[in-house]
């Protein structure tokens, strides 16, 4: 009953404060609060408590086919130079181990020298807090990541991606197109040592993307600019005025993805000292939302 009352109050307040016209946000004299106090509610997730991957929640490949099967070249050979194998997704002791191995295989005529794994959610989410707790493998050529992709649109939020030989740095990113200049906005961050347990998250609403490492904010990407000054919005409150939506900002439902790439454009070459098999260990993946988010 409290959540219903809060949602109704929020709807009345927001309706009085703003009017949305396509890409224009009109804020009335009362202003608009951008940092709601309502608590996050867990709406979806996986604690990996069983003895195998929950196939009601995850694809073990990229379901790019019309029927959602893995019958395409990119379905199991998209991210790096590894083949995505179901056998490399091991659930035990409350964790998912995504294992990278040095082994040969063939898929749709393509030769692979490595196998690894990837999970892709069967449910999409528009706005919320996407969170993972994990520890990452050490080794040149490894490319662990946690990200989301828009359903049918070129939107991609990289909560983090990392290079296995630089364990005190990670990259956050947002892609709004592919295969041309200016499609992404990467940033590098110093982080705790990543073969320890760490929590990575992004909070996404119509106004901001906020990236976190272990509860500490590391980056903010605004979703609106002041129409008069052209400046991007800042802080928790908008004053009266007109604001224009940033074109390069996610606004569609996203699927959740995590995996361990090997080599590829980001992972780089594999060293003779890189240890196989190695694994990205995931304790949990959780999605939180506030009232009114989808």
Protein backbone atom coordinates (compact mmCIF):
# COMPACT_ATOMS: atom_id res chain seq x y z
CA UNK A 1 0.00 0.00 0.00
CA UNK A 2 2.90 2.35 0.74
CA UNK A 3 4.37 1.81 -2.73
CA UNK A 4 1.01 2.51 -4.38
CA UNK A 5 0.63 5.72 -2.41
CA UNK A 6 4.19 6.78 -3.23
CA UNK A 7 3.70 6.07 -6.94
CA UNK A 8 0.48 8.10 -7.02
CA UNK A 9 2.14 11.00 -5.22
CA UNK A 10 5.08 10.89 -7.60
CA UNK A 11 2.78 10.85 -10.64
CA UNK A 12 0.88 13.91 -9.38
CA UNK A 13 4.10 15.76 -8.55
CA UNK A 14 5.78 15.01 -11.86
CA UNK A 15 2.66 15.77 -13.89
CA UNK A 16 2.46 19.21 -12.27
CA UNK A 17 6.16 19.89 -12.73
CA UNK A 18 6.88 18.81 -16.30
CA UNK A 19 5.44 18.30 -19.73
CA UNK A 20 7.12 15.99 -22.24
CA UNK A 21 6.98 16.92 -25.92
CA UNK A 22 9.02 14.54 -28.07
CA UNK A 23 12.64 15.36 -27.20
CA UNK A 24 11.80 18.45 -25.11
CA UNK A 25 11.37 18.38 -21.33
CA UNK A 26 9.45 21.39 -19.99
CA UNK A 27 9.92 21.96 -16.27
CA UNK A 28 7.37 24.12 -14.47
CA UNK A 29 7.86 26.66 -11.66
CA UNK A 30 8.04 23.96 -8.96
CA UNK A 31 11.13 22.41 -10.56
CA UNK A 32 11.86 18.70 -10.90
CA UNK A 33 13.59 16.37 -8.44
CA UNK A 34 15.95 13.94 -10.22
CA UNK A 35 17.15 11.89 -7.24
CA UNK A 36 14.10 10.03 -5.87
CA UNK A 37 14.22 8.76 -2.30
CA UNK A 38 12.17 5.64 -2.98
CA UNK A 39 14.23 2.49 -2.31
CA UNK A 40 15.42 0.17 -5.05
CA UNK A 41 13.33 -3.00 -5.36
CA UNK A 42 14.86 -6.26 -6.60
CA UNK A 43 12.85 -7.25 -9.70
CA UNK A 44 15.05 -9.88 -11.34
CA UNK A 45 18.34 -11.62 -10.83
CA UNK A 46 20.34 -14.80 -10.44
CA UNK A 47 22.22 -15.94 -7.34
CA UNK A 48 23.62 -19.01 -9.16
CA UNK A 49 22.66 -21.30 -6.28
CA UNK A 50 21.85 -24.39 -8.36
CA UNK A 51 24.06 -26.86 -10.17
CA UNK A 52 23.54 -25.59 -13.73
CA UNK A 53 22.71 -22.41 -15.63
CA UNK A 54 19.05 -21.40 -15.30
CA UNK A 55 17.84 -21.61 -18.91
CA UNK A 56 14.57 -19.88 -18.03
CA UNK A 57 16.62 -16.72 -17.44
CA UNK A 58 19.58 -16.96 -19.80
CA UNK A 59 20.66 -17.77 -23.31
CA UNK A 60 24.19 -19.18 -23.47
CA UNK A 61 24.75 -17.45 -26.82
CA UNK A 62 23.61 -14.39 -28.77
CA UNK A 63 20.06 -15.16 -30.02
CA UNK A 64 20.32 -13.30 -33.31
CA UNK A 65 18.14 -15.71 -35.30
CA UNK A 66 14.44 -15.24 -36.00
CA UNK A 67 13.54 -18.26 -33.86
CA UNK A 68 15.97 -17.43 -31.05
CA UNK A 69 18.18 -20.44 -31.74
CA UNK A 70 21.97 -20.43 -32.01
CA UNK A 71 22.00 -21.31 -35.73
CA UNK A 72 24.11 -18.37 -36.93
CA UNK A 73 27.83 -17.67 -37.17
CA UNK A 74 27.75 -14.73 -34.73
CA UNK A 75 25.56 -16.53 -32.19
CA UNK A 76 28.57 -18.28 -30.67
CA UNK A 77 31.44 -16.36 -32.24
CA UNK A 78 30.74 -12.66 -31.80
CA UNK A 79 32.78 -10.91 -29.11
CA UNK A 80 36.41 -12.06 -29.24
CA UNK A 81 38.33 -14.94 -30.74
CA UNK A 82 36.63 -17.55 -28.59
CA UNK A 83 33.81 -20.02 -29.27
CA UNK A 84 30.97 -19.71 -26.74
CA UNK A 85 30.47 -23.19 -25.31
CA UNK A 86 27.76 -24.32 -22.89
CA UNK A 87 30.32 -26.61 -21.27
CA UNK A 88 32.28 -23.55 -20.15
CA UNK A 89 29.41 -22.24 -17.98
CA UNK A 90 29.81 -24.06 -14.67
CA UNK A 91 27.55 -23.40 -11.67
CA UNK A 92 28.85 -24.59 -8.31
CA UNK A 93 29.13 -23.40 -4.70
CA UNK A 94 26.83 -20.43 -5.32
CA UNK A 95 28.81 -18.99 -8.23
CA UNK A 96 28.83 -19.07 -12.01
CA UNK A 97 32.29 -19.83 -13.40
CA UNK A 98 32.76 -18.68 -17.00
CA UNK A 99 35.79 -20.70 -18.02
CA UNK A 100 38.24 -19.86 -20.78
CA UNK A 101 40.16 -22.77 -22.25
CA UNK A 102 42.78 -23.22 -24.91
CA UNK A 103 41.13 -25.76 -27.21
CA UNK A 104 40.33 -25.99 -30.91
CA UNK A 105 36.83 -26.05 -32.32
CA UNK A 106 34.95 -25.07 -35.47
CA UNK A 107 31.70 -23.14 -35.84
CA UNK A 108 30.07 -22.27 -39.19
CA UNK A 109 33.39 -22.91 -40.91
CA UNK A 110 35.38 -20.65 -38.60
CA UNK A 111 38.32 -22.08 -36.65
CA UNK A 112 38.67 -21.17 -32.96
CA UNK A 113 41.72 -21.75 -30.78
CA UNK A 114 39.87 -20.90 -27.55
CA UNK A 115 36.53 -21.62 -25.91
CA UNK A 116 34.76 -19.57 -23.25
CA UNK A 117 31.21 -18.61 -22.27
CA UNK A 118 28.61 -15.87 -22.30
CA UNK A 119 25.16 -15.30 -20.76
CA UNK A 120 22.41 -13.18 -22.35
CA UNK A 121 19.19 -12.46 -20.43
CA UNK A 122 15.83 -13.56 -21.84
CA UNK A 123 14.18 -10.56 -20.16
CA UNK A 124 14.71 -6.91 -21.07
CA UNK A 125 14.64 -3.89 -18.78
CA UNK A 126 14.15 -0.18 -19.35
CA UNK A 127 15.81 1.81 -16.56
CA UNK A 128 16.96 0.52 -13.20
CA UNK A 129 20.13 -0.55 -11.43
CA UNK A 130 22.11 -3.34 -13.12
CA UNK A 131 24.57 -4.89 -10.68
CA UNK A 132 27.13 -7.71 -10.67
CA UNK A 133 29.47 -9.05 -8.00
CA UNK A 134 32.40 -10.93 -9.49
CA UNK A 135 36.12 -11.50 -9.62
CA UNK A 136 38.14 -11.54 -12.79
CA UNK A 137 40.91 -13.72 -14.18
CA UNK A 138 44.46 -12.48 -14.56
CA UNK A 139 46.18 -12.92 -17.89
CA UNK A 140 47.03 -11.07 -21.09
CA UNK A 141 44.30 -11.58 -23.68
CA UNK A 142 41.35 -11.98 -21.29
CA UNK A 143 38.38 -9.65 -21.82
CA UNK A 144 35.75 -9.96 -19.04
CA UNK A 145 32.70 -7.73 -19.24
CA UNK A 146 29.22 -6.92 -17.93
CA UNK A 147 27.00 -4.91 -20.26
CA UNK A 148 23.55 -4.44 -21.74
CA UNK A 149 22.29 -4.16 -25.32
CA UNK A 150 19.17 -2.49 -26.68
CA UNK A 151 16.43 -4.66 -28.14
CA UNK A 152 16.61 -4.05 -31.89
CA UNK A 153 18.39 -0.69 -31.54
CA UNK A 154 22.12 0.20 -31.51
CA UNK A 155 22.33 1.05 -27.81
CA UNK A 156 24.93 -0.52 -25.51
CA UNK A 157 25.79 0.26 -21.89
CA UNK A 158 29.11 -1.18 -20.78
CA UNK A 159 28.93 -1.38 -16.99
CA UNK A 160 32.53 -2.51 -17.17
CA UNK A 161 34.99 -4.25 -19.44
CA UNK A 162 38.55 -5.02 -18.50
CA UNK A 163 41.86 -6.28 -19.83
CA UNK A 164 43.23 -9.30 -17.99
CA UNK A 165 46.75 -7.87 -17.77
CA UNK A 166 45.66 -4.46 -16.37
CA UNK A 167 43.78 -5.45 -13.22
CA UNK A 168 43.75 -1.97 -11.68
CA UNK A 169 41.83 -0.40 -14.54
CA UNK A 170 38.45 -0.89 -16.14
CA UNK A 171 36.53 0.83 -18.90
CA UNK A 172 32.98 2.15 -18.86
CA UNK A 173 31.31 3.00 -22.14
CA UNK A 174 28.13 3.84 -23.98
CA UNK A 175 27.60 2.94 -27.66
CA UNK A 176 24.84 4.60 -29.68
CA UNK A 177 25.88 3.22 -33.08
CA UNK A 178 28.42 0.81 -34.57
CA UNK A 179 31.04 0.71 -37.33
CA UNK A 180 31.62 4.40 -37.72
CA UNK A 181 33.45 7.21 -35.95
CA UNK A 182 31.94 8.73 -32.84
CA UNK A 183 29.82 5.69 -31.95
CA UNK A 184 31.05 5.37 -28.40
CA UNK A 185 32.17 7.31 -25.35
CA UNK A 186 34.72 5.22 -23.38
CA UNK A 187 36.35 6.20 -20.10
CA UNK A 188 39.09 4.44 -18.14
CA UNK A 189 39.03 4.26 -14.34
CA UNK A 190 41.46 3.17 -11.63
CA UNK A 191 39.85 0.43 -9.54
CA UNK A 192 40.52 -2.02 -6.71
CA UNK A 193 42.51 -5.09 -7.72
CA UNK A 194 40.05 -7.04 -9.83
CA UNK A 195 40.97 -10.61 -8.95
CA UNK A 196 39.38 -9.81 -5.58
CA UNK A 197 35.60 -9.64 -5.22
CA UNK A 198 34.17 -6.34 -6.48
CA UNK A 199 30.70 -5.00 -7.23
CA UNK A 200 30.04 -3.09 -10.46
CA UNK A 201 26.77 -1.32 -11.25
CA UNK A 202 25.08 1.21 -13.46
CA UNK A 203 21.98 3.20 -12.52
CA UNK A 204 19.91 4.29 -15.50
CA UNK A 205 16.90 6.59 -15.63
CA UNK A 206 15.66 9.13 -18.21
CA UNK A 207 18.03 11.77 -16.87
CA UNK A 208 21.33 10.09 -16.05
CA UNK A 209 23.56 7.07 -16.41
CA UNK A 210 25.63 6.65 -13.23
CA UNK A 211 28.42 4.05 -12.96
CA UNK A 212 29.56 2.61 -9.61
CA UNK A 213 32.40 0.43 -8.32
CA UNK A 214 31.87 -0.97 -4.83
CA UNK A 215 29.16 1.63 -4.18
CA UNK A 216 31.36 4.57 -5.20
CA UNK A 217 30.26 6.60 -8.18
CA UNK A 218 32.92 6.77 -10.91
CA UNK A 219 31.11 8.37 -13.82
CA UNK A 220 27.94 10.27 -14.78
CA UNK A 221 26.45 10.68 -18.27
CA UNK A 222 23.58 13.23 -18.46
CA UNK A 223 20.55 12.64 -20.67
CA UNK A 224 19.42 16.27 -21.13
CA UNK A 225 20.85 19.69 -21.90
CA UNK A 226 19.44 23.12 -21.06
CA UNK A 227 17.88 24.36 -24.29
CA UNK A 228 18.90 27.97 -23.64
CA UNK A 229 22.49 27.51 -22.47
CA UNK A 230 23.30 24.19 -24.16
CA UNK A 231 24.84 22.89 -20.93
CA UNK A 232 24.21 19.35 -19.79
CA UNK A 233 22.15 18.95 -16.63
CA UNK A 234 23.86 18.48 -13.27
CA UNK A 235 22.84 17.53 -9.77
CA UNK A 236 19.55 16.35 -8.34
CA UNK A 237 17.20 19.18 -9.20
CA UNK A 238 16.16 20.92 -12.42
CA UNK A 239 14.99 24.52 -12.30
CA UNK A 240 12.13 25.83 -14.38
CA UNK A 241 12.97 25.81 -18.06
CA UNK A 242 13.15 23.80 -21.26
CA UNK A 243 15.56 20.90 -21.65
CA UNK A 244 16.46 18.95 -24.76
CA UNK A 245 17.09 15.20 -24.72
CA UNK A 246 20.64 14.17 -25.58
CA UNK A 247 20.47 12.17 -28.80
CA UNK A 248 23.28 9.82 -27.72
CA UNK A 249 21.53 8.38 -24.66
CA UNK A 250 19.77 5.00 -24.14
CA UNK A 251 15.98 5.04 -24.07
CA UNK A 252 14.89 1.50 -25.05
CA UNK A 253 14.68 -1.81 -23.15
CA UNK A 254 18.01 -3.61 -22.74
CA UNK A 255 19.08 -7.25 -22.27
CA UNK A 256 21.76 -8.07 -19.68
CA UNK A 257 24.99 -9.75 -20.86
CA UNK A 258 28.17 -10.99 -19.21
CA UNK A 259 31.04 -13.04 -20.55
CA UNK A 260 34.74 -13.72 -20.73
CA UNK A 261 36.26 -12.87 -24.09
CA UNK A 262 39.64 -14.06 -25.30
CA UNK A 263 41.76 -11.93 -27.65
CA UNK A 264 39.61 -9.83 -30.00
CA UNK A 265 39.93 -6.09 -30.55
CA UNK A 266 39.74 -5.32 -26.83
CA UNK A 267 41.42 -8.33 -25.20
CA UNK A 268 44.54 -8.18 -27.33
CA UNK A 269 47.04 -10.96 -27.91
CA UNK A 270 47.36 -13.90 -25.55
CA UNK A 271 50.72 -14.22 -23.80
CA UNK A 272 52.59 -17.48 -23.46
CA UNK A 273 52.31 -16.86 -19.71
CA UNK A 274 48.48 -16.63 -19.77
CA UNK A 275 47.08 -19.51 -17.73
CA UNK A 276 44.40 -21.80 -19.17
CA UNK A 277 41.90 -22.75 -17.97
CA UNK A 278 40.98 -19.54 -16.13
CA UNK A 279 37.57 -18.26 -15.09
CA UNK A 280 35.50 -15.17 -14.41
CA UNK A 281 33.57 -16.01 -11.23
CA UNK A 282 30.15 -14.37 -10.74
CA UNK A 283 28.53 -14.38 -7.30
CA UNK A 284 25.29 -12.75 -8.50
CA UNK A 285 23.63 -10.52 -11.08
CA UNK A 286 20.72 -8.37 -9.83
CA UNK A 287 18.34 -5.90 -11.41
CA UNK A 288 16.68 -3.29 -9.19
CA UNK A 289 14.03 -0.76 -10.15
CA UNK A 290 12.08 2.04 -8.52
CA UNK A 291 8.28 2.44 -8.81
CA UNK A 292 7.27 3.39 -12.33
CA UNK A 293 10.34 1.94 -14.06
CA UNK A 294 9.87 -0.87 -16.57
